[in-house]
Structures are given as C-alpha cells and as structure tokens.
Amino acid sequence: KLVPESMIKRASDNQEKKSVEKTAKKQTKPQAKQLTLLGHTQSRKADKTVINLANWKANTQITALAGQLGKFIGGFERNRFSVVLRGEKGAGKTRLLCQLINLFAGRNLKSLFLSLEVSPQSELFGNYISYIGKKTLKNVSESAESDLEQLEKYAKQYDVIAIDSWGKLDNLNQSDFGRLIEKYPKVIWLVIFQSTTNGTARGGIMSEYDSSIVIQVAKGGFAECEKNRYNTCDLVYNVFDKKLVKNENI
C-alpha cells in the first residue's frame, strides 16, 4: 500500500525538528558555575591545595627537650627540623654538635655523626665524642663518607644526621641542604657551616633560611640563637660549661 507523499514529508519534518531540538538542548545545558576574579575565570571546583582553617589539625607534635641545652633549644618536631651551627674558629662548634647529638640520641633516636673535619680514627675524635653519654653512644654511629648518594642512603636509615662541616661534602651547595630537608622531612639535621668574616654561613645564607634554628658560637664557647622557631633568642649557652649563663646584653 502506497503512503501519500504528504505524510512522508511531514514525518521527515518532525524527525528533523526533533534532531534540531535535541542539539539545541545539549548546547544550552547549564555549565559548571564560574567565578570571575581579577579578570580570570576559574572553576568553583574544590582546590585540594587549600585547607580551610576550621578544618586544620597538626600532623606532628612539638616535643620539649630536657636539661640546660634542651632549655636553650626549646623543643623540636619531626617535620623538617634542622639546626645550623656557625661561629669563630676554636669556639666550640664541634663540641656543641656532639652535645646536640647526645641530646637527641638520648631520646633513643638512631643517630649518625658524619665526621669530615676530624678522622674518626684520631684521638681528637675521642675528645669530641666524650660529650656524648656512655649510655647514649649505643644509639650513635659514625662515618666519614662525603658523597651525596651515600648521604641520601643514610637519610633513609637514621633519625638524626649530624655533619661537622657541610663544606666538606662532595659537590654539594647550600640549595642541596634545603632540598634534603624537604625530601627527608622526618630526619633531624644538625650541621656546621663554616663562617665568613661577616659572621654568616660560608657560601651564602640560604641554609639559614631553610633551617629551624641558627646558632652562632663565639670564642669562649658562648652560643646564642640568631634564629629559633621553637624558643626565644635571648638565652646564652656555654658549650664548655654545658649550662645556660646570664646574657649581659639583656
């Protein structure tokens, strides 16, 4: 049976109309809400890099430190914590470094003393580690390796890494110090940087920006914090007496 041509045309027109309406509906579908800020259009999708302060909570805790040196330092947390030591020649920087090793290793933290200035086989080395308690020595190891690859291996094995001279490390600069702190945030870094005649760390002050605490040691063993995120900088600690002393400048 033949269908009238008029009916065929009408059906074709209806089909075309539906197709046009469907396309138009897709084009007019509501888009994601936009936010215009300073001339830039941004999606309202949540930014995972931003946390509302009402939802903030700490992932690490500040731990107070005991003893006279502990009072001087104040506290620490396992979150990119580092101490930079600098000062005059013979002022007692290495002795203070060993006392800091004793402070943290005494908390049963596995510690490594990277002795690059003084051979671990020398009697002088024995004088330095005499500042580490006999019971604490079991938590401390020593090495004289100075390359970056080995240092990164140590960072995966130890809680504390103490270095008696950053300048003695092979082909490392101050930017590497900050990079290591970021890469191994749970490691406690205790590092001596040699000083310039102006009293800043040799090679620039980038290491001081990256550190939690900067300690300047003057002749006579008088140590003062020039920067301390965990305590006041008004205290003076004598390295040789191992106690806090009165600050004559206050």
C-alpha atoms as a PDB file:
ATOM      1  CA  LYS A   1       0.000   0.000   0.000  1.00  0.00           C
ATOM      2  CA  LEU A   2       1.416   3.342  -1.047  1.00  0.00           C
ATOM      3  CA  VAL A   3       1.873   6.069   1.594  1.00  0.00           C
ATOM      4  CA  PRO A   4       0.878   9.548   0.496  1.00  0.00           C
ATOM      5  CA  GLU A   5       3.821  11.827  -0.263  1.00  0.00           C
ATOM      6  CA  SER A   6       2.442  14.490   2.135  1.00  0.00           C
ATOM      7  CA  MET A   7       2.656  12.056   5.067  1.00  0.00           C
ATOM      8  CA  ILE A   8       6.235  11.147   4.202  1.00  0.00           C
ATOM      9  CA  LYS A   9       7.247  14.824   4.113  1.00  0.00           C
ATOM     10  CA  ARG A  10       5.508  15.519   7.445  1.00  0.00           C
ATOM     11  CA  ALA A  11       7.298  12.615   9.139  1.00  0.00           C
ATOM     12  CA  SER A  12      10.633  13.821   7.758  1.00  0.00           C
ATOM     13  CA  ASP A  13       9.967  17.351   9.025  1.00  0.00           C
ATOM     14  CA  ASN A  14       9.093  16.052  12.517  1.00  0.00           C
ATOM     15  CA  GLN A  15      12.260  13.962  12.663  1.00  0.00           C
ATOM     16  CA  GLU A  16      14.417  16.932  11.617  1.00  0.00           C
ATOM     17  CA  LYS A  17      12.681  19.140  14.197  1.00  0.00           C
ATOM     18  CA  LYS A  18      13.384  16.642  16.978  1.00  0.00           C
ATOM     19  CA  SER A  19      17.041  16.448  15.912  1.00  0.00           C
ATOM     20  CA  VAL A  20      17.373  20.236  15.986  1.00  0.00           C
ATOM     21  CA  GLU A  21      15.684  20.468  19.408  1.00  0.00           C
ATOM     22  CA  LYS A  22      17.991  17.754  20.807  1.00  0.00           C
ATOM     23  CA  THR A  23      21.105  19.571  19.554  1.00  0.00           C
ATOM     24  CA  ALA A  24      19.875  22.885  20.936  1.00  0.00           C
ATOM     25  CA  LYS A  25      19.187  21.275  24.312  1.00  0.00           C
ATOM     26  CA  LYS A  26      22.779  19.975  24.505  1.00  0.00           C
ATOM     27  CA  GLN A  27      24.167  23.388  23.635  1.00  0.00           C
ATOM     28  CA  THR A  28      22.062  25.161  26.259  1.00  0.00           C
ATOM     29  CA  LYS A  29      22.831  22.645  29.046  1.00  0.00           C
ATOM     30  CA  PRO A  30      23.871  24.569  32.185  1.00  0.00           C
ATOM     31  CA  GLN A  31      27.652  24.743  32.537  1.00  0.00           C
ATOM     32  CA  ALA A  32      29.584  24.482  35.820  1.00  0.00           C
ATOM     33  CA  LYS A  33      29.287  27.669  37.824  1.00  0.00           C
ATOM     34  CA  GLN A  34      32.145  30.026  37.152  1.00  0.00           C
ATOM     35  CA  LEU A  35      33.860  32.544  39.394  1.00  0.00           C
ATOM     36  CA  THR A  36      35.400  35.657  37.867  1.00  0.00           C
ATOM     37  CA  LEU A  37      38.282  37.028  39.940  1.00  0.00           C
ATOM     38  CA  LEU A  38      40.612  39.819  38.784  1.00  0.00           C
ATOM     39  CA  GLY A  39      39.618  39.200  35.181  1.00  0.00           C
ATOM     40  CA  HIS A  40      40.238  35.431  35.338  1.00  0.00           C
ATOM     41  CA  THR A  41      37.525  32.802  35.087  1.00  0.00           C
ATOM     42  CA  GLN A  42      38.029  29.914  37.481  1.00  0.00           C
ATOM     43  CA  SER A  43      36.023  26.782  38.191  1.00  0.00           C
ATOM     44  CA  ARG A  44      34.337  26.503  41.586  1.00  0.00           C
ATOM     45  CA  LYS A  45      35.763  23.005  41.982  1.00  0.00           C
ATOM     46  CA  ALA A  46      37.490  22.497  45.352  1.00  0.00           C
ATOM     47  CA  ASP A  47      41.206  23.367  45.422  1.00  0.00           C
ATOM     48  CA  LYS A  48      42.911  20.493  47.229  1.00  0.00           C
ATOM     49  CA  THR A  49      45.988  22.632  47.910  1.00  0.00           C
ATOM     50  CA  VAL A  50      43.947  24.931  50.166  1.00  0.00           C
ATOM     51  CA  ILE A  51      42.594  23.917  53.582  1.00  0.00           C
ATOM     52  CA  ASN A  52      40.027  25.969  55.436  1.00  0.00           C
ATOM     53  CA  LEU A  53      41.420  26.879  58.881  1.00  0.00           C
ATOM     54  CA  ALA A  54      38.288  25.489  60.549  1.00  0.00           C
ATOM     55  CA  ASN A  55      39.423  22.028  59.336  1.00  0.00           C
ATOM     56  CA  TRP A  56      43.136  22.425  60.168  1.00  0.00           C
ATOM     57  CA  LYS A  57      44.887  19.977  62.501  1.00  0.00           C
ATOM     58  CA  ALA A  58      48.565  19.307  63.231  1.00  0.00           C
ATOM     59  CA  ASN A  59      50.249  16.190  61.886  1.00  0.00           C
ATOM     60  CA  THR A  60      53.294  16.478  64.188  1.00  0.00           C
ATOM     61  CA  GLN A  61      53.772  17.487  67.808  1.00  0.00           C
ATOM     62  CA  ILE A  62      56.388  19.763  69.398  1.00  0.00           C
ATOM     63  CA  THR A  63      58.430  17.832  71.950  1.00  0.00           C
ATOM     64  CA  ALA A  64      60.138  19.711  74.775  1.00  0.00           C
ATOM     65  CA  LEU A  65      63.811  18.953  75.409  1.00  0.00           C
ATOM     66  CA  ALA A  66      65.335  18.370  78.840  1.00  0.00           C
ATOM     67  CA  GLY A  67      68.421  19.791  80.522  1.00  0.00           C
ATOM     68  CA  GLN A  68      70.234  23.096  80.084  1.00  0.00           C
ATOM     69  CA  LEU A  69      70.835  22.560  76.372  1.00  0.00           C
ATOM     70  CA  GLY A  70      67.216  21.473  75.974  1.00  0.00           C
ATOM     71  CA  LYS A  71      66.046  24.722  77.542  1.00  0.00           C
ATOM     72  CA  PHE A  72      68.311  26.609  75.158  1.00  0.00           C
ATOM     73  CA  ILE A  73      66.890  24.829  72.080  1.00  0.00           C
ATOM     74  CA  GLY A  74      63.318  24.782  73.397  1.00  0.00           C
ATOM     75  CA  GLY A  75      61.758  21.882  71.505  1.00  0.00           C
ATOM     76  CA  PHE A  76      61.588  20.071  68.192  1.00  0.00           C
ATOM     77  CA  GLU A  77      59.230  18.179  65.930  1.00  0.00           C
ATOM     78  CA  ARG A  78      59.798  15.580  63.226  1.00  0.00           C
ATOM     79  CA  ASN A  79      58.869  17.937  60.459  1.00  0.00           C
ATOM     80  CA  ARG A  80      61.760  19.491  58.500  1.00  0.00           C
ATOM     81  CA  PHE A  81      63.660  20.269  61.713  1.00  0.00           C
ATOM     82  CA  SER A  82      67.263  21.389  61.333  1.00  0.00           C
ATOM     83  CA  VAL A  83      69.921  23.252  63.295  1.00  0.00           C
ATOM     84  CA  VAL A  84      72.661  25.289  61.619  1.00  0.00           C
ATOM     85  CA  LEU A  85      75.815  25.925  63.665  1.00  0.00           C
ATOM     86  CA  ARG A  86      78.396  28.524  62.740  1.00  0.00           C
ATOM     87  CA  GLY A  87      80.972  30.598  64.605  1.00  0.00           C
ATOM     88  CA  GLU A  88      84.562  31.535  65.192  1.00  0.00           C
ATOM     89  CA  LYS A  89      87.439  29.076  64.922  1.00  0.00           C
ATOM     90  CA  GLY A  90      88.031  27.186  68.146  1.00  0.00           C
ATOM     91  CA  ALA A  91      84.823  28.498  69.700  1.00  0.00           C
ATOM     92  CA  GLY A  92      83.423  25.015  70.319  1.00  0.00           C
ATOM     93  CA  LYS A  93      81.133  24.320  67.344  1.00  0.00           C
ATOM     94  CA  THR A  94      82.027  20.613  67.110  1.00  0.00           C
ATOM     95  CA  ARG A  95      81.678  20.188  70.858  1.00  0.00           C
ATOM     96  CA  LEU A  96      78.224  21.752  70.678  1.00  0.00           C
ATOM     97  CA  LEU A  97      77.381  19.481  67.745  1.00  0.00           C
ATOM     98  CA  CYS A  98      78.276  16.447  69.861  1.00  0.00           C
ATOM     99  CA  GLN A  99      76.185  17.752  72.740  1.00  0.00           C
ATOM    100  CA  LEU A 100      73.244  18.097  70.354  1.00  0.00           C
ATOM    101  CA  ILE A 101      73.826  14.525  69.161  1.00  0.00           C
ATOM    102  CA  ASN A 102      73.731  13.448  72.805  1.00  0.00           C
ATOM    103  CA  LEU A 103      70.501  15.410  73.335  1.00  0.00           C
ATOM    104  CA  PHE A 104      68.615  13.708  70.505  1.00  0.00           C
ATOM    105  CA  ALA A 105      70.241  10.267  70.641  1.00  0.00           C
ATOM    106  CA  GLY A 106      69.364  10.272  74.348  1.00  0.00           C
ATOM    107  CA  ARG A 107      65.736  10.112  73.213  1.00  0.00           C
ATOM    108  CA  ASN A 108      66.521   6.769  71.515  1.00  0.00           C
ATOM    109  CA  LEU A 109      66.704   8.378  68.100  1.00  0.00           C
ATOM    110  CA  LYS A 110      69.038   6.496  65.771  1.00  0.00           C
ATOM    111  CA  SER A 111      71.823   8.993  65.054  1.00  0.00           C
ATOM    112  CA  LEU A 112      74.752   9.304  62.655  1.00  0.00           C
ATOM    113  CA  PHE A 113      77.789  11.525  63.169  1.00  0.00           C
ATOM    114  CA  LEU A 114      79.316  12.365  59.788  1.00  0.00           C
ATOM    115  CA  SER A 115      82.834  13.392  60.833  1.00  0.00           C
ATOM    116  CA  LEU A 116      84.510  15.058  57.837  1.00  0.00           C
ATOM    117  CA  GLU A 117      86.781  17.565  59.614  1.00  0.00           C
ATOM    118  CA  VAL A 118      88.357  15.101  62.037  1.00  0.00           C
ATOM    119  CA  SER A 119      89.212  11.480  61.271  1.00  0.00           C
ATOM    120  CA  PRO A 120      87.093   9.081  63.342  1.00  0.00           C
ATOM    121  CA  GLN A 121      90.310   7.121  63.997  1.00  0.00           C
ATOM    122  CA  SER A 122      92.066  10.026  65.733  1.00  0.00           C
ATOM    123  CA  GLU A 123      92.344  10.628  69.466  1.00  0.00           C
ATOM    124  CA  LEU A 124      90.886  14.107  68.911  1.00  0.00           C
ATOM    125  CA  PHE A 125      87.688  12.474  67.701  1.00  0.00           C
ATOM    126  CA  GLY A 126      87.568  10.681  71.039  1.00  0.00           C
ATOM    127  CA  ASN A 127      87.734  14.043  72.828  1.00  0.00           C
ATOM    128  CA  TYR A 128      84.716  15.257  70.880  1.00  0.00           C
ATOM    129  CA  ILE A 129      82.528  12.218  71.448  1.00  0.00           C
ATOM    130  CA  SER A 130      83.276  12.403  75.184  1.00  0.00           C
ATOM    131  CA  TYR A 131      80.404  14.915  75.156  1.00  0.00           C
ATOM    132  CA  ILE A 132      78.090  12.028  74.280  1.00  0.00           C
ATOM    133  CA  GLY A 133      76.964   9.981  77.284  1.00  0.00           C
ATOM    134  CA  LYS A 134      78.129   6.369  77.573  1.00  0.00           C
ATOM    135  CA  LYS A 135      74.550   5.054  77.607  1.00  0.00           C
ATOM    136  CA  THR A 136      73.685   7.195  74.603  1.00  0.00           C
ATOM    137  CA  LEU A 137      76.637   6.038  72.468  1.00  0.00           C
ATOM    138  CA  LYS A 138      74.772   2.837  71.600  1.00  0.00           C
ATOM    139  CA  ASN A 139      72.357   4.984  69.543  1.00  0.00           C
ATOM    140  CA  VAL A 140      75.142   6.757  67.614  1.00  0.00           C
ATOM    141  CA  SER A 141      77.157   5.599  64.612  1.00  0.00           C
ATOM    142  CA  GLU A 142      79.936   7.411  62.742  1.00  0.00           C
ATOM    143  CA  SER A 143      81.014   7.714  59.132  1.00  0.00           C
ATOM    144  CA  ALA A 144      83.438   9.745  57.041  1.00  0.00           C
ATOM    145  CA  GLU A 145      81.639   9.273  53.698  1.00  0.00           C
ATOM    146  CA  SER A 146      81.107  12.564  51.897  1.00  0.00           C
ATOM    147  CA  ASP A 147      79.177  11.953  48.676  1.00  0.00           C
ATOM    148  CA  LEU A 148      75.518  12.820  48.062  1.00  0.00           C
ATOM    149  CA  GLU A 149      74.411   9.328  47.071  1.00  0.00           C
ATOM    150  CA  GLN A 150      75.653   7.890  50.361  1.00  0.00           C
ATOM    151  CA  LEU A 151      74.172  10.795  52.322  1.00  0.00           C
ATOM    152  CA  GLU A 152      70.742  10.067  50.852  1.00  0.00           C
ATOM    153  CA  LYS A 153      71.096   6.399  51.833  1.00  0.00           C
ATOM    154  CA  TYR A 154      71.858   7.495  55.379  1.00  0.00           C
ATOM    155  CA  ALA A 155      68.778   9.742  55.363  1.00  0.00           C
ATOM    156  CA  LYS A 156      66.647   6.636  54.812  1.00  0.00           C
ATOM    157  CA  GLN A 157      68.296   4.804  57.730  1.00  0.00           C
ATOM    158  CA  TYR A 158      68.767   7.362  60.509  1.00  0.00           C
ATOM    159  CA  ASP A 159      66.547   9.688  62.558  1.00  0.00           C
ATOM    160  CA  VAL A 160      69.352  12.192  63.167  1.00  0.00           C
ATOM    161  CA  ILE A 161      72.229  13.158  60.871  1.00  0.00           C
ATOM    162  CA  ALA A 162      74.967  15.411  62.275  1.00  0.00           C
ATOM    163  CA  ILE A 163      77.604  16.809  59.892  1.00  0.00           C
ATOM    164  CA  ASP A 164      80.670  18.591  61.270  1.00  0.00           C
ATOM    165  CA  SER A 165      81.348  20.502  58.025  1.00  0.00           C
ATOM    166  CA  TRP A 166      78.882  20.952  55.182  1.00  0.00           C
ATOM    167  CA  GLY A 167      81.675  22.399  53.043  1.00  0.00           C
ATOM    168  CA  LYS A 168      83.495  19.040  53.118  1.00  0.00           C
ATOM    169  CA  LEU A 169      80.653  17.230  51.317  1.00  0.00           C
ATOM    170  CA  ASP A 170      81.458  16.457  47.680  1.00  0.00           C
ATOM    171  CA  ASN A 171      79.866  18.784  45.118  1.00  0.00           C
ATOM    172  CA  LEU A 172      77.032  19.933  47.392  1.00  0.00           C
ATOM    173  CA  ASN A 173      75.919  23.523  47.803  1.00  0.00           C
ATOM    174  CA  GLN A 174      73.518  25.267  50.142  1.00  0.00           C
ATOM    175  CA  SER A 175      70.497  24.656  47.903  1.00  0.00           C
ATOM    176  CA  ASP A 176      71.086  20.913  48.401  1.00  0.00           C
ATOM    177  CA  PHE A 177      70.652  21.430  52.141  1.00  0.00           C
ATOM    178  CA  GLY A 178      67.122  22.774  51.692  1.00  0.00           C
ATOM    179  CA  ARG A 179      66.325  20.051  49.165  1.00  0.00           C
ATOM    180  CA  LEU A 180      67.379  17.306  51.584  1.00  0.00           C
ATOM    181  CA  ILE A 181      65.279  18.808  54.377  1.00  0.00           C
ATOM    182  CA  GLU A 182      62.244  18.801  52.080  1.00  0.00           C
ATOM    183  CA  LYS A 183      62.919  15.304  50.713  1.00  0.00           C
ATOM    184  CA  TYR A 184      63.540  13.736  54.147  1.00  0.00           C
ATOM    185  CA  PRO A 185      61.299  15.784  56.480  1.00  0.00           C
ATOM    186  CA  LYS A 186      61.462  13.315  59.378  1.00  0.00           C
ATOM    187  CA  VAL A 187      65.269  13.478  59.607  1.00  0.00           C
ATOM    188  CA  ILE A 188      66.704  15.859  62.223  1.00  0.00           C
ATOM    189  CA  TRP A 189      69.633  17.663  60.577  1.00  0.00           C
ATOM    190  CA  LEU A 190      72.432  19.094  62.752  1.00  0.00           C
ATOM    191  CA  VAL A 191      75.008  20.797  60.544  1.00  0.00           C
ATOM    192  CA  ILE A 192      78.061  23.026  60.959  1.00  0.00           C
ATOM    193  CA  PHE A 193      78.545  25.635  58.239  1.00  0.00           C
ATOM    194  CA  GLN A 194      81.852  27.467  58.223  1.00  0.00           C
ATOM    195  CA  SER A 195      81.517  31.234  58.788  1.00  0.00           C
ATOM    196  CA  THR A 196      82.626  34.179  56.714  1.00  0.00           C
ATOM    197  CA  THR A 197      84.375  37.191  58.263  1.00  0.00           C
ATOM    198  CA  ASN A 198      80.927  38.839  58.400  1.00  0.00           C
ATOM    199  CA  GLY A 199      79.624  36.062  60.619  1.00  0.00           C
ATOM    200  CA  THR A 200      77.304  34.431  58.063  1.00  0.00           C
ATOM    201  CA  ALA A 201      77.433  30.893  56.712  1.00  0.00           C
ATOM    202  CA  ARG A 202      80.073  30.494  54.028  1.00  0.00           C
ATOM    203  CA  GLY A 203      78.529  30.118  50.593  1.00  0.00           C
ATOM    204  CA  GLY A 204      75.523  32.304  51.352  1.00  0.00           C
ATOM    205  CA  ILE A 205      72.683  32.485  53.832  1.00  0.00           C
ATOM    206  CA  MET A 206      70.254  30.141  52.064  1.00  0.00           C
ATOM    207  CA  SER A 207      70.957  27.424  54.658  1.00  0.00           C
ATOM    208  CA  GLU A 208      69.853  29.804  57.401  1.00  0.00           C
ATOM    209  CA  TYR A 209      66.525  30.441  55.694  1.00  0.00           C
ATOM    210  CA  ASP A 210      65.950  26.690  55.372  1.00  0.00           C
ATOM    211  CA  SER A 211      66.839  25.858  58.984  1.00  0.00           C
ATOM    212  CA  SER A 212      64.671  25.860  62.118  1.00  0.00           C
ATOM    213  CA  ILE A 213      67.449  27.184  64.347  1.00  0.00           C
ATOM    214  CA  VAL A 214      70.661  29.127  63.650  1.00  0.00           C
ATOM    215  CA  ILE A 215      73.267  29.170  66.429  1.00  0.00           C
ATOM    216  CA  GLN A 216      76.306  31.449  66.454  1.00  0.00           C
ATOM    217  CA  VAL A 217      79.159  30.273  68.697  1.00  0.00           C
ATOM    218  CA  ALA A 218      81.600  32.944  69.881  1.00  0.00           C
ATOM    219  CA  LYS A 219      85.027  32.469  71.456  1.00  0.00           C
ATOM    220  CA  GLY A 220      84.796  31.138  74.962  1.00  0.00           C
ATOM    221  CA  GLY A 221      82.018  28.793  73.871  1.00  0.00           C
ATOM    222  CA  PHE A 222      79.202  31.309  74.213  1.00  0.00           C
ATOM    223  CA  ALA A 223      76.370  30.183  71.953  1.00  0.00           C
ATOM    224  CA  GLU A 224      73.374  32.316  71.035  1.00  0.00           C
ATOM    225  CA  CYS A 225      70.456  31.638  68.731  1.00  0.00           C
ATOM    226  CA  GLU A 226      70.152  34.146  65.934  1.00  0.00           C
ATOM    227  CA  LYS A 227      67.026  32.334  64.802  1.00  0.00           C
ATOM    228  CA  ASN A 228      64.852  29.900  66.732  1.00  0.00           C
ATOM    229  CA  ARG A 229      61.351  28.884  65.693  1.00  0.00           C
ATOM    230  CA  TYR A 230      60.898  26.927  68.921  1.00  0.00           C
ATOM    231  CA  ASN A 231      62.201  29.279  71.587  1.00  0.00           C
ATOM    232  CA  THR A 232      63.331  32.774  72.454  1.00  0.00           C
ATOM    233  CA  CYS A 233      66.691  34.022  71.188  1.00  0.00           C
ATOM    234  CA  ASP A 234      67.502  35.754  74.484  1.00  0.00           C
ATOM    235  CA  LEU A 235      69.317  32.786  76.053  1.00  0.00           C
ATOM    236  CA  VAL A 236      73.080  32.150  76.093  1.00  0.00           C
ATOM    237  CA  TYR A 237      74.535  28.667  76.445  1.00  0.00           C
ATOM    238  CA  ASN A 238      78.181  27.985  77.297  1.00  0.00           C
ATOM    239  CA  VAL A 239      79.490  24.989  75.380  1.00  0.00           C
ATOM    240  CA  PHE A 240      82.374  24.230  77.733  1.00  0.00           C
ATOM    241  CA  ASP A 241      80.394  24.587  80.965  1.00  0.00           C
ATOM    242  CA  LYS A 242      77.340  22.901  79.397  1.00  0.00           C
ATOM    243  CA  LYS A 243      74.927  25.304  81.022  1.00  0.00           C
ATOM    244  CA  LEU A 244      72.956  28.477  80.448  1.00  0.00           C
ATOM    245  CA  VAL A 245      74.660  31.699  81.509  1.00  0.00           C
ATOM    246  CA  LYS A 246      73.422  35.226  82.062  1.00  0.00           C
ATOM    247  CA  ASN A 247      73.079  37.288  78.919  1.00  0.00           C
ATOM    248  CA  GLU A 248      74.852  40.570  79.654  1.00  0.00           C
ATOM    249  CA  ASN A 249      73.083  42.258  76.727  1.00  0.00           C
ATOM    250  CA  ILE A 250      69.638  41.959  78.331  1.00  0.00           C
END
